[in-house]
Amino acid sequence: MGFSIKLLPDNSTFTAEAGETIMETAKKHGHNLPLGCADGACGLCRGILLQGTVDHGRSTVIALTDEDKEAGLALFCCAIPTSDLVIQRREMVADWTILDWNGSME
């Protein structure tokens, strides 16, 4: 059973297969999300969960604190959907610059 993921701000929607992380699903559907260590340690892939729930998987407290989780943040490299989601992401441009939540350069 898969879960629907709506990605903001571009409003695209795709489905995560069972056990698939948000990052795996996004990449499979052509979205270039920030990714560093791919192991839940660096926090580069952090995004906002606006609706829904995830299993935070192997994320470390260094990259994602309990307060971050309570505030609706998740590490997309580790987070596995447990319901349909609405998420907000930052995208990377070709030169590895990360765009902030409003789409401007950080």
Protein backbone atom coordinates (compact mmCIF):
# COMPACT_ATOMS: atom_id res chain seq x y z
CA MET A 1 0.00 0.00 0.00
CA GLY A 2 1.38 3.40 -0.96
CA PHE A 3 0.82 6.88 0.38
CA SER A 4 0.22 10.06 -1.58
CA ILE A 5 2.78 12.86 -1.20
CA LYS A 6 1.91 16.40 -2.24
CA LEU A 7 5.07 18.47 -2.70
CA LEU A 8 4.88 22.22 -2.15
CA PRO A 9 5.32 24.84 -3.41
CA ASP A 10 4.88 23.32 -6.89
CA ASN A 11 1.79 21.25 -5.96
CA SER A 12 2.98 18.04 -7.63
CA THR A 13 1.62 14.80 -6.21
CA PHE A 14 3.11 11.32 -6.37
CA THR A 15 2.84 8.02 -4.51
CA ALA A 16 5.40 6.44 -2.19
CA GLU A 17 5.60 2.66 -2.26
CA ALA A 18 5.57 0.78 1.07
CA GLY A 19 8.85 1.27 2.92
CA GLU A 20 10.14 3.93 0.53
CA THR A 21 11.54 7.18 1.97
CA ILE A 22 10.30 10.58 0.89
CA MET A 23 13.67 11.18 -0.80
CA GLU A 24 13.56 7.91 -2.78
CA THR A 25 10.04 8.67 -3.95
CA ALA A 26 10.81 12.28 -4.87
CA LYS A 27 13.91 11.31 -6.89
CA LYS A 28 11.97 8.57 -8.68
CA HIS A 29 9.48 11.23 -9.77
CA GLY A 30 12.12 13.72 -10.95
CA HIS A 31 12.41 16.09 -7.99
CA ASN A 32 15.88 17.37 -7.09
CA LEU A 33 15.76 17.68 -3.29
CA PRO A 34 18.76 18.57 -1.12
CA LEU A 35 20.72 15.49 -0.06
CA GLY A 36 23.98 15.21 1.81
CA CYS A 37 24.93 12.09 3.76
CA ALA A 38 21.73 10.11 2.92
CA ASP A 39 22.02 8.59 6.39
CA GLY A 40 20.13 10.99 8.68
CA ALA A 41 23.23 12.62 10.15
CA CYS A 42 23.77 15.94 8.35
CA GLY A 43 20.31 17.54 8.14
CA LEU A 44 20.73 18.85 4.60
CA CYS A 45 17.55 17.06 3.46
CA ARG A 46 15.37 18.54 6.23
CA GLY A 47 11.90 19.59 5.13
CA ILE A 48 8.52 20.47 6.59
CA LEU A 49 5.64 18.06 7.16
CA LEU A 50 2.54 20.20 6.74
CA GLN A 51 0.10 17.28 6.97
CA GLY A 52 0.45 13.60 7.73
CA THR A 53 2.81 11.39 9.70
CA VAL A 54 6.10 9.62 9.09
CA ASP A 55 8.38 7.06 10.68
CA HIS A 56 11.54 9.13 11.21
CA GLY A 57 13.72 6.08 10.70
CA ARG A 58 17.43 6.38 11.41
CA SER A 59 17.57 10.18 11.79
CA THR A 60 20.04 11.33 14.44
CA VAL A 61 19.32 13.83 17.22
CA ILE A 62 22.17 15.95 15.88
CA ALA A 63 20.38 16.48 12.56
CA LEU A 64 16.78 16.33 13.85
CA THR A 65 15.92 17.00 17.48
CA ASP A 66 12.73 15.99 19.24
CA GLU A 67 11.77 19.69 19.13
CA ASP A 68 12.29 19.67 15.35
CA LYS A 69 9.99 16.64 15.04
CA GLU A 70 7.35 18.32 17.20
CA ALA A 71 7.63 21.42 14.96
CA GLY A 72 6.82 19.26 11.92
CA LEU A 73 10.29 18.82 10.45
CA ALA A 74 11.64 15.59 8.99
CA LEU A 75 14.78 14.35 7.27
CA PHE A 76 13.47 13.32 3.88
CA CYS A 77 16.34 10.83 3.37
CA CYS A 78 15.09 8.79 6.34
CA ALA A 79 11.39 9.63 6.72
CA ILE A 80 9.00 6.92 5.57
CA PRO A 81 5.36 7.98 5.14
CA THR A 82 2.82 6.34 7.46
CA SER A 83 -0.08 8.35 5.99
CA ASP A 84 -0.75 10.64 3.02
CA LEU A 85 1.51 13.70 3.25
CA VAL A 86 1.73 17.35 2.31
CA ILE A 87 5.36 18.46 2.52
CA GLN A 88 7.35 21.59 1.79
CA ARG A 89 10.85 21.27 0.43
CA ARG A 90 13.85 23.31 -0.55
CA GLU A 91 15.24 22.49 -3.99
CA MET A 92 18.84 22.51 -5.04
CA VAL A 93 20.04 24.14 -8.20
CA ALA A 94 22.81 22.68 -10.34
CA ASP A 95 25.68 24.42 -8.52
CA TRP A 96 24.67 22.91 -5.12
CA THR A 97 23.16 26.17 -3.88
CA ILE A 98 20.19 25.47 -1.63
CA LEU A 99 17.08 27.55 -2.13
CA ASP A 100 15.36 28.68 1.05
CA TRP A 101 11.69 28.02 1.80
CA ASN A 102 10.65 30.96 -0.41
CA GLY A 103 12.77 29.95 -3.40
CA SER A 104 15.56 32.50 -2.94
CA MET A 105 19.25 31.70 -2.50
CA GLU A 106 20.53 30.98 1.03
